[in-house]
Amino acid sequence: MRHAVSQTDPAHQAATRRALLDAAADVFAEVGFRNATVRDICRRAGANVAAVNYHFGDKGALYTEVLTEQSRLAYVKYPNPVPVPGLTPEQRFQAFVRSFLQRVLSAELHARHGRIMAREMVEPTAALDRLVAEAIRPQAELLRGIITDLLKGRADAETTRLCGMSVVGQILFYCHCQPVLTRLFPGARFDDGELDRLTAHITAFSLAAIHGLAGQRQPADHAPTTLPPTAPQRRRPRSH
């Protein structure tokens, strides 16, 4: 004789929570947080419409859990490089660039994580605060430490910060601008199949700039900011 599964059974509750997270990740990736509805999420999860409130409190809390979990899964699959004694700052930098590219170019991760993050950058929500604190800030600090070592203490904090943002900007460019790149350069690839080439280029390009800054005697923010002289204006002839 088969016994019905109780709605309060811990295994059933865990399965429902898991189904809601998976369904919500798909819905948020497709339509974004603001256009997603609890009813649609519950329908896809095969759950009662009250299940979101029961397990998470509301749609916003569910979204925060989805965003955090998708980011965690990306770092589990492609973690930041583990510090290895004896590696040079240049080698640590290259490993950082490679792991970052893996996360943003992975076709598997893009289906959910990449699309949700792209929407979050355009229409940020309160969930971004937690994501920055738990995932993005630690990564920024890791990159800052590597760049500080590359600069050999010859630049101030602002220059170090700008270098980090320039590096991240290059990496994210190949993720967010792929629709334009494939139209500008038909046949060219800018995906995870070109991981080695893109890693080598971004690493070489960035190291050349960072090493150049390290060789300067003055911090970048003390460099002259005077604009180049403009062409002299012609005097209009006086009318008599």
C-alpha atoms as a PDB file:
ATOM      1  CA  MET A   1       0.000   0.000   0.000  1.00  0.00           C
ATOM      2  CA  ARG A   2       1.436   3.411  -1.004  1.00  0.00           C
ATOM      3  CA  HIS A   3       1.460   6.187   1.538  1.00  0.00           C
ATOM      4  CA  ALA A   4       0.917   9.825   0.562  1.00  0.00           C
ATOM      5  CA  VAL A   5       3.855  12.100   1.217  1.00  0.00           C
ATOM      6  CA  SER A   6       3.103  14.631   3.923  1.00  0.00           C
ATOM      7  CA  GLN A   7       3.429  18.272   2.928  1.00  0.00           C
ATOM      8  CA  THR A   8       5.335  18.809   6.175  1.00  0.00           C
ATOM      9  CA  ASP A   9       7.786  15.969   5.510  1.00  0.00           C
ATOM     10  CA  PRO A  10      11.359  17.436   5.647  1.00  0.00           C
ATOM     11  CA  ALA A  11      12.372  15.714   2.421  1.00  0.00           C
ATOM     12  CA  HIS A  12       9.310  17.060   0.650  1.00  0.00           C
ATOM     13  CA  GLN A  13       9.963  20.565   1.968  1.00  0.00           C
ATOM     14  CA  ALA A  14      13.584  20.422   0.808  1.00  0.00           C
ATOM     15  CA  ALA A  15      12.523  19.213  -2.629  1.00  0.00           C
ATOM     16  CA  THR A  16       9.968  22.009  -2.934  1.00  0.00           C
ATOM     17  CA  ARG A  17      12.516  24.622  -1.915  1.00  0.00           C
ATOM     18  CA  ARG A  18      14.968  23.249  -4.476  1.00  0.00           C
ATOM     19  CA  ALA A  19      12.325  23.255  -7.206  1.00  0.00           C
ATOM     20  CA  LEU A  20      11.456  26.873  -6.417  1.00  0.00           C
ATOM     21  CA  LEU A  21      15.098  27.971  -6.646  1.00  0.00           C
ATOM     22  CA  ASP A  22      15.570  26.230  -9.987  1.00  0.00           C
ATOM     23  CA  ALA A  23      12.321  27.541 -11.454  1.00  0.00           C
ATOM     24  CA  ALA A  24      13.009  31.051 -10.171  1.00  0.00           C
ATOM     25  CA  ALA A  25      16.505  31.048 -11.690  1.00  0.00           C
ATOM     26  CA  ASP A  26      15.019  30.280 -15.103  1.00  0.00           C
ATOM     27  CA  VAL A  27      12.270  32.877 -14.801  1.00  0.00           C
ATOM     28  CA  PHE A  28      14.570  35.624 -13.524  1.00  0.00           C
ATOM     29  CA  ALA A  29      17.038  34.870 -16.327  1.00  0.00           C
ATOM     30  CA  GLU A  30      14.273  35.107 -18.914  1.00  0.00           C
ATOM     31  CA  VAL A  31      12.321  38.171 -17.782  1.00  0.00           C
ATOM     32  CA  GLY A  32      14.251  39.766 -14.917  1.00  0.00           C
ATOM     33  CA  PHE A  33      13.234  40.372 -11.323  1.00  0.00           C
ATOM     34  CA  ARG A  34      10.627  43.056 -11.921  1.00  0.00           C
ATOM     35  CA  ASN A  35       8.701  41.166 -14.618  1.00  0.00           C
ATOM     36  CA  ALA A  36       8.836  37.801 -12.863  1.00  0.00           C
ATOM     37  CA  THR A  37       5.711  36.681 -11.022  1.00  0.00           C
ATOM     38  CA  VAL A  38       5.426  34.393  -8.037  1.00  0.00           C
ATOM     39  CA  ARG A  39       2.585  32.590  -9.761  1.00  0.00           C
ATOM     40  CA  ASP A  40       4.712  31.713 -12.779  1.00  0.00           C
ATOM     41  CA  ILE A  41       7.612  30.566 -10.600  1.00  0.00           C
ATOM     42  CA  CYS A  42       5.349  28.320  -8.515  1.00  0.00           C
ATOM     43  CA  ARG A  43       3.679  26.925 -11.634  1.00  0.00           C
ATOM     44  CA  ARG A  44       7.035  25.896 -13.095  1.00  0.00           C
ATOM     45  CA  ALA A  45       8.136  24.452  -9.769  1.00  0.00           C
ATOM     46  CA  GLY A  46       4.892  22.486  -9.412  1.00  0.00           C
ATOM     47  CA  ALA A  47       4.293  24.138  -6.067  1.00  0.00           C
ATOM     48  CA  ASN A  48       1.447  25.916  -4.353  1.00  0.00           C
ATOM     49  CA  VAL A  49       1.378  29.673  -4.959  1.00  0.00           C
ATOM     50  CA  ALA A  50       1.939  30.214  -1.234  1.00  0.00           C
ATOM     51  CA  ALA A  51       5.173  28.194  -1.278  1.00  0.00           C
ATOM     52  CA  VAL A  52       7.414  31.193  -2.001  1.00  0.00           C
ATOM     53  CA  ASN A  53       6.178  33.049   1.064  1.00  0.00           C
ATOM     54  CA  TYR A  54       6.502  29.916   3.181  1.00  0.00           C
ATOM     55  CA  HIS A  55      10.099  29.114   2.166  1.00  0.00           C
ATOM     56  CA  PHE A  56      11.567  32.560   1.457  1.00  0.00           C
ATOM     57  CA  GLY A  57       9.224  35.272   2.717  1.00  0.00           C
ATOM     58  CA  ASP A  58       8.604  37.090  -0.566  1.00  0.00           C
ATOM     59  CA  LYS A  59       9.783  37.408  -4.174  1.00  0.00           C
ATOM     60  CA  GLY A  60      12.622  39.744  -3.227  1.00  0.00           C
ATOM     61  CA  ALA A  61      14.087  37.306  -0.719  1.00  0.00           C
ATOM     62  CA  LEU A  62      13.762  34.476  -3.247  1.00  0.00           C
ATOM     63  CA  TYR A  63      15.598  36.571  -5.833  1.00  0.00           C
ATOM     64  CA  THR A  64      18.401  37.305  -3.368  1.00  0.00           C
ATOM     65  CA  GLU A  65      18.809  33.581  -2.716  1.00  0.00           C
ATOM     66  CA  VAL A  66      18.868  32.822  -6.452  1.00  0.00           C
ATOM     67  CA  LEU A  67      21.400  35.546  -7.240  1.00  0.00           C
ATOM     68  CA  THR A  68      23.672  34.470  -4.387  1.00  0.00           C
ATOM     69  CA  GLU A  69      23.412  30.782  -5.220  1.00  0.00           C
ATOM     70  CA  GLN A  70      24.099  31.268  -8.931  1.00  0.00           C
ATOM     71  CA  SER A  71      27.199  33.284  -8.104  1.00  0.00           C
ATOM     72  CA  ARG A  72      28.368  30.639  -5.629  1.00  0.00           C
ATOM     73  CA  LEU A  73      27.900  27.896  -8.227  1.00  0.00           C
ATOM     74  CA  ALA A  74      29.991  29.898 -10.710  1.00  0.00           C
ATOM     75  CA  TYR A  75      32.843  30.178  -8.204  1.00  0.00           C
ATOM     76  CA  VAL A  76      32.577  26.492  -7.330  1.00  0.00           C
ATOM     77  CA  LYS A  77      32.912  25.529 -10.986  1.00  0.00           C
ATOM     78  CA  TYR A  78      35.664  28.065 -11.749  1.00  0.00           C
ATOM     79  CA  PRO A  79      37.214  29.152  -8.437  1.00  0.00           C
ATOM     80  CA  ASN A  80      39.681  31.960  -7.965  1.00  0.00           C
ATOM     81  CA  PRO A  81      43.281  30.756  -8.169  1.00  0.00           C
ATOM     82  CA  VAL A  82      44.605  29.226  -4.950  1.00  0.00           C
ATOM     83  CA  PRO A  83      47.761  30.970  -3.675  1.00  0.00           C
ATOM     84  CA  VAL A  84      50.758  28.797  -4.476  1.00  0.00           C
ATOM     85  CA  PRO A  85      54.141  29.582  -2.900  1.00  0.00           C
ATOM     86  CA  GLY A  86      56.717  30.637  -5.450  1.00  0.00           C
ATOM     87  CA  LEU A  87      54.347  32.053  -8.057  1.00  0.00           C
ATOM     88  CA  THR A  88      55.290  35.476  -9.385  1.00  0.00           C
ATOM     89  CA  PRO A  89      52.727  38.322  -9.336  1.00  0.00           C
ATOM     90  CA  GLU A  90      52.557  37.989 -13.133  1.00  0.00           C
ATOM     91  CA  GLN A  91      51.619  34.298 -12.858  1.00  0.00           C
ATOM     92  CA  ARG A  92      49.008  35.047 -10.205  1.00  0.00           C
ATOM     93  CA  PHE A  93      47.588  37.779 -12.418  1.00  0.00           C
ATOM     94  CA  GLN A  94      47.281  35.462 -15.401  1.00  0.00           C
ATOM     95  CA  ALA A  95      45.531  32.818 -13.277  1.00  0.00           C
ATOM     96  CA  PHE A  96      43.084  35.447 -12.026  1.00  0.00           C
ATOM     97  CA  VAL A  97      42.262  36.611 -15.571  1.00  0.00           C
ATOM     98  CA  ARG A  98      41.746  33.053 -16.751  1.00  0.00           C
ATOM     99  CA  SER A  99      39.368  32.035 -13.951  1.00  0.00           C
ATOM    100  CA  PHE A 100      37.360  35.269 -14.383  1.00  0.00           C
ATOM    101  CA  LEU A 101      37.065  34.663 -18.135  1.00  0.00           C
ATOM    102  CA  GLN A 102      35.940  31.101 -17.504  1.00  0.00           C
ATOM    103  CA  ARG A 103      33.079  32.302 -15.320  1.00  0.00           C
ATOM    104  CA  VAL A 104      31.811  34.983 -17.710  1.00  0.00           C
ATOM    105  CA  LEU A 105      32.283  33.062 -20.981  1.00  0.00           C
ATOM    106  CA  SER A 106      30.972  29.643 -19.910  1.00  0.00           C
ATOM    107  CA  ALA A 107      27.960  28.778 -22.050  1.00  0.00           C
ATOM    108  CA  GLU A 108      26.630  26.590 -19.248  1.00  0.00           C
ATOM    109  CA  LEU A 109      26.807  29.379 -16.665  1.00  0.00           C
ATOM    110  CA  HIS A 110      25.521  32.041 -19.058  1.00  0.00           C
ATOM    111  CA  ALA A 111      22.136  30.331 -19.361  1.00  0.00           C
ATOM    112  CA  ARG A 112      21.277  31.408 -15.824  1.00  0.00           C
ATOM    113  CA  HIS A 113      24.070  33.208 -13.985  1.00  0.00           C
ATOM    114  CA  GLY A 114      25.244  35.323 -16.913  1.00  0.00           C
ATOM    115  CA  ARG A 115      21.784  36.491 -17.944  1.00  0.00           C
ATOM    116  CA  ILE A 116      20.677  37.242 -14.384  1.00  0.00           C
ATOM    117  CA  MET A 117      23.848  39.242 -13.734  1.00  0.00           C
ATOM    118  CA  ALA A 118      23.460  41.166 -16.987  1.00  0.00           C
ATOM    119  CA  ARG A 119      19.954  42.177 -15.966  1.00  0.00           C
ATOM    120  CA  GLU A 120      21.132  43.056 -12.462  1.00  0.00           C
ATOM    121  CA  MET A 121      23.720  45.456 -13.882  1.00  0.00           C
ATOM    122  CA  VAL A 122      21.037  47.271 -15.905  1.00  0.00           C
ATOM    123  CA  GLU A 123      18.370  47.289 -13.187  1.00  0.00           C
ATOM    124  CA  PRO A 124      20.121  46.735  -9.834  1.00  0.00           C
ATOM    125  CA  THR A 125      18.075  45.477  -6.907  1.00  0.00           C
ATOM    126  CA  ALA A 126      18.626  45.372  -3.154  1.00  0.00           C
ATOM    127  CA  ALA A 127      20.052  41.862  -3.634  1.00  0.00           C
ATOM    128  CA  LEU A 128      23.181  43.350  -5.166  1.00  0.00           C
ATOM    129  CA  ASP A 129      24.349  44.588  -1.751  1.00  0.00           C
ATOM    130  CA  ARG A 130      24.665  41.039  -0.441  1.00  0.00           C
ATOM    131  CA  LEU A 131      26.309  39.815  -3.626  1.00  0.00           C
ATOM    132  CA  VAL A 132      28.920  42.574  -3.483  1.00  0.00           C
ATOM    133  CA  ALA A 133      29.664  41.842   0.166  1.00  0.00           C
ATOM    134  CA  GLU A 134      29.900  38.062  -0.199  1.00  0.00           C
ATOM    135  CA  ALA A 135      31.395  37.568  -3.662  1.00  0.00           C
ATOM    136  CA  ILE A 136      32.421  40.661  -5.588  1.00  0.00           C
ATOM    137  CA  ARG A 137      34.298  42.572  -2.880  1.00  0.00           C
ATOM    138  CA  PRO A 138      36.511  39.577  -1.936  1.00  0.00           C
ATOM    139  CA  GLN A 139      37.377  39.173  -5.608  1.00  0.00           C
ATOM    140  CA  ALA A 140      38.161  42.884  -5.921  1.00  0.00           C
ATOM    141  CA  GLU A 141      40.447  42.653  -2.889  1.00  0.00           C
ATOM    142  CA  LEU A 142      42.221  39.650  -4.403  1.00  0.00           C
ATOM    143  CA  LEU A 143      42.876  41.565  -7.625  1.00  0.00           C
ATOM    144  CA  ARG A 144      43.953  44.665  -5.676  1.00  0.00           C
ATOM    145  CA  GLY A 145      46.567  42.610  -3.835  1.00  0.00           C
ATOM    146  CA  ILE A 146      47.962  41.189  -7.055  1.00  0.00           C
ATOM    147  CA  ILE A 147      48.136  44.608  -8.716  1.00  0.00           C
ATOM    148  CA  THR A 148      49.777  46.122  -5.637  1.00  0.00           C
ATOM    149  CA  ASP A 149      52.522  43.522  -5.938  1.00  0.00           C
ATOM    150  CA  LEU A 150      52.877  44.204  -9.666  1.00  0.00           C
ATOM    151  CA  LEU A 151      53.204  47.937  -9.028  1.00  0.00           C
ATOM    152  CA  LYS A 152      55.841  47.234  -6.350  1.00  0.00           C
ATOM    153  CA  GLY A 153      54.462  49.941  -4.097  1.00  0.00           C
ATOM    154  CA  ARG A 154      55.177  52.682  -6.638  1.00  0.00           C
ATOM    155  CA  ALA A 155      51.580  53.838  -7.063  1.00  0.00           C
ATOM    156  CA  ASP A 156      48.906  55.140  -4.747  1.00  0.00           C
ATOM    157  CA  ALA A 157      45.603  53.502  -3.865  1.00  0.00           C
ATOM    158  CA  GLU A 158      43.656  55.357  -6.560  1.00  0.00           C
ATOM    159  CA  THR A 159      46.002  54.214  -9.334  1.00  0.00           C
ATOM    160  CA  THR A 160      45.802  50.643  -8.041  1.00  0.00           C
ATOM    161  CA  ARG A 161      42.014  50.813  -7.996  1.00  0.00           C
ATOM    162  CA  LEU A 162      41.837  52.212 -11.530  1.00  0.00           C
ATOM    163  CA  CYS A 163      44.129  49.455 -12.787  1.00  0.00           C
ATOM    164  CA  GLY A 164      41.818  46.845 -11.280  1.00  0.00           C
ATOM    165  CA  MET A 165      38.740  48.370 -12.878  1.00  0.00           C
ATOM    166  CA  SER A 166      40.500  48.517 -16.250  1.00  0.00           C
ATOM    167  CA  VAL A 167      41.344  44.816 -16.040  1.00  0.00           C
ATOM    168  CA  VAL A 168      37.794  43.833 -15.099  1.00  0.00           C
ATOM    169  CA  GLY A 169      36.431  46.064 -17.865  1.00  0.00           C
ATOM    170  CA  GLN A 170      38.424  44.160 -20.483  1.00  0.00           C
ATOM    171  CA  ILE A 171      37.147  40.808 -19.244  1.00  0.00           C
ATOM    172  CA  LEU A 172      33.495  41.836 -19.069  1.00  0.00           C
ATOM    173  CA  PHE A 173      33.719  43.417 -22.528  1.00  0.00           C
ATOM    174  CA  TYR A 174      34.014  39.975 -24.130  1.00  0.00           C
ATOM    175  CA  CYS A 175      30.932  38.843 -22.227  1.00  0.00           C
ATOM    176  CA  HIS A 176      28.510  41.745 -22.623  1.00  0.00           C
ATOM    177  CA  CYS A 177      29.576  42.868 -26.106  1.00  0.00           C
ATOM    178  CA  GLN A 178      29.559  39.522 -27.912  1.00  0.00           C
ATOM    179  CA  PRO A 179      26.488  40.410 -30.033  1.00  0.00           C
ATOM    180  CA  VAL A 180      28.368  43.441 -31.396  1.00  0.00           C
ATOM    181  CA  LEU A 181      31.716  41.647 -31.750  1.00  0.00           C
ATOM    182  CA  THR A 182      30.256  38.800 -33.794  1.00  0.00           C
ATOM    183  CA  ARG A 183      28.746  41.343 -36.184  1.00  0.00           C
ATOM    184  CA  LEU A 184      31.896  43.428 -36.442  1.00  0.00           C
ATOM    185  CA  PHE A 185      34.085  40.374 -36.997  1.00  0.00           C
ATOM    186  CA  PRO A 186      32.022  37.586 -38.631  1.00  0.00           C
ATOM    187  CA  GLY A 187      33.598  34.219 -38.059  1.00  0.00           C
ATOM    188  CA  ALA A 188      35.673  35.365 -35.092  1.00  0.00           C
ATOM    189  CA  ARG A 189      35.074  33.713 -31.740  1.00  0.00           C
ATOM    190  CA  PHE A 190      34.948  35.432 -28.381  1.00  0.00           C
ATOM    191  CA  ASP A 191      33.761  32.585 -26.182  1.00  0.00           C
ATOM    192  CA  ASP A 192      35.182  29.905 -23.893  1.00  0.00           C
ATOM    193  CA  GLY A 193      36.626  28.152 -26.938  1.00  0.00           C
ATOM    194  CA  GLU A 194      39.069  31.049 -27.222  1.00  0.00           C
ATOM    195  CA  LEU A 195      39.936  31.063 -23.529  1.00  0.00           C
ATOM    196  CA  ASP A 196      43.698  30.643 -23.971  1.00  0.00           C
ATOM    197  CA  ARG A 197      43.985  33.386 -26.597  1.00  0.00           C
ATOM    198  CA  LEU A 198      41.893  35.896 -24.680  1.00  0.00           C
ATOM    199  CA  THR A 199      43.709  35.131 -21.439  1.00  0.00           C
ATOM    200  CA  ALA A 200      47.086  35.677 -23.095  1.00  0.00           C
ATOM    201  CA  HIS A 201      45.993  38.942 -24.722  1.00  0.00           C
ATOM    202  CA  ILE A 202      44.392  40.529 -21.651  1.00  0.00           C
ATOM    203  CA  THR A 203      47.324  39.431 -19.502  1.00  0.00           C
ATOM    204  CA  ALA A 204      49.985  40.814 -21.854  1.00  0.00           C
ATOM    205  CA  PHE A 205      48.088  44.047 -22.533  1.00  0.00           C
ATOM    206  CA  SER A 206      47.399  44.709 -18.856  1.00  0.00           C
ATOM    207  CA  LEU A 207      50.874  43.800 -17.628  1.00  0.00           C
ATOM    208  CA  ALA A 208      52.455  46.153 -20.145  1.00  0.00           C
ATOM    209  CA  ALA A 209      50.356  49.015 -18.780  1.00  0.00           C
ATOM    210  CA  ILE A 210      50.861  48.096 -15.115  1.00  0.00           C
ATOM    211  CA  HIS A 211      54.614  47.658 -15.528  1.00  0.00           C
ATOM    212  CA  GLY A 212      54.681  51.014 -17.300  1.00  0.00           C
ATOM    213  CA  LEU A 213      52.951  52.666 -14.355  1.00  0.00           C
ATOM    214  CA  ALA A 214      55.332  50.952 -11.949  1.00  0.00           C
ATOM    215  CA  GLY A 215      58.218  52.573 -13.803  1.00  0.00           C
ATOM    216  CA  GLN A 216      56.843  56.061 -13.380  1.00  0.00           C
ATOM    217  CA  ARG A 217      58.288  58.119 -10.577  1.00  0.00           C
ATOM    218  CA  GLN A 218      55.062  60.014  -9.926  1.00  0.00           C
ATOM    219  CA  PRO A 219      51.680  58.485  -9.058  1.00  0.00           C
ATOM    220  CA  ALA A 220      49.212  58.730 -11.920  1.00  0.00           C
ATOM    221  CA  ASP A 221      47.037  61.265 -10.138  1.00  0.00           C
ATOM    222  CA  HIS A 222      50.025  63.644  -9.891  1.00  0.00           C
ATOM    223  CA  ALA A 223      50.653  63.584 -13.618  1.00  0.00           C
ATOM    224  CA  PRO A 224      50.129  66.837 -15.527  1.00  0.00           C
ATOM    225  CA  THR A 225      46.503  67.370 -16.444  1.00  0.00           C
ATOM    226  CA  THR A 226      46.943  70.497 -18.586  1.00  0.00           C
ATOM    227  CA  LEU A 227      45.163  70.203 -21.905  1.00  0.00           C
ATOM    228  CA  PRO A 228      47.247  70.590 -25.059  1.00  0.00           C
ATOM    229  CA  PRO A 229      47.236  74.108 -26.539  1.00  0.00           C
ATOM    230  CA  THR A 230      44.526  74.825 -29.030  1.00  0.00           C
ATOM    231  CA  ALA A 231      45.041  76.502 -32.370  1.00  0.00           C
ATOM    232  CA  PRO A 232      44.982  80.305 -32.119  1.00  0.00           C
ATOM    233  CA  GLN A 233      41.706  81.841 -33.120  1.00  0.00           C
ATOM    234  CA  ARG A 234      41.682  84.103 -36.140  1.00  0.00           C
ATOM    235  CA  ARG A 235      40.847  87.702 -35.495  1.00  0.00           C
ATOM    236  CA  ARG A 236      37.895  88.953 -37.389  1.00  0.00           C
ATOM    237  CA  PRO A 237      38.747  92.025 -39.443  1.00  0.00           C
ATOM    238  CA  ARG A 238      37.317  95.236 -38.144  1.00  0.00           C
ATOM    239  CA  SER A 239      34.728  96.857 -40.254  1.00  0.00           C
ATOM    240  CA  HIS A 240      35.354 100.502 -41.082  1.00  0.00           C
END
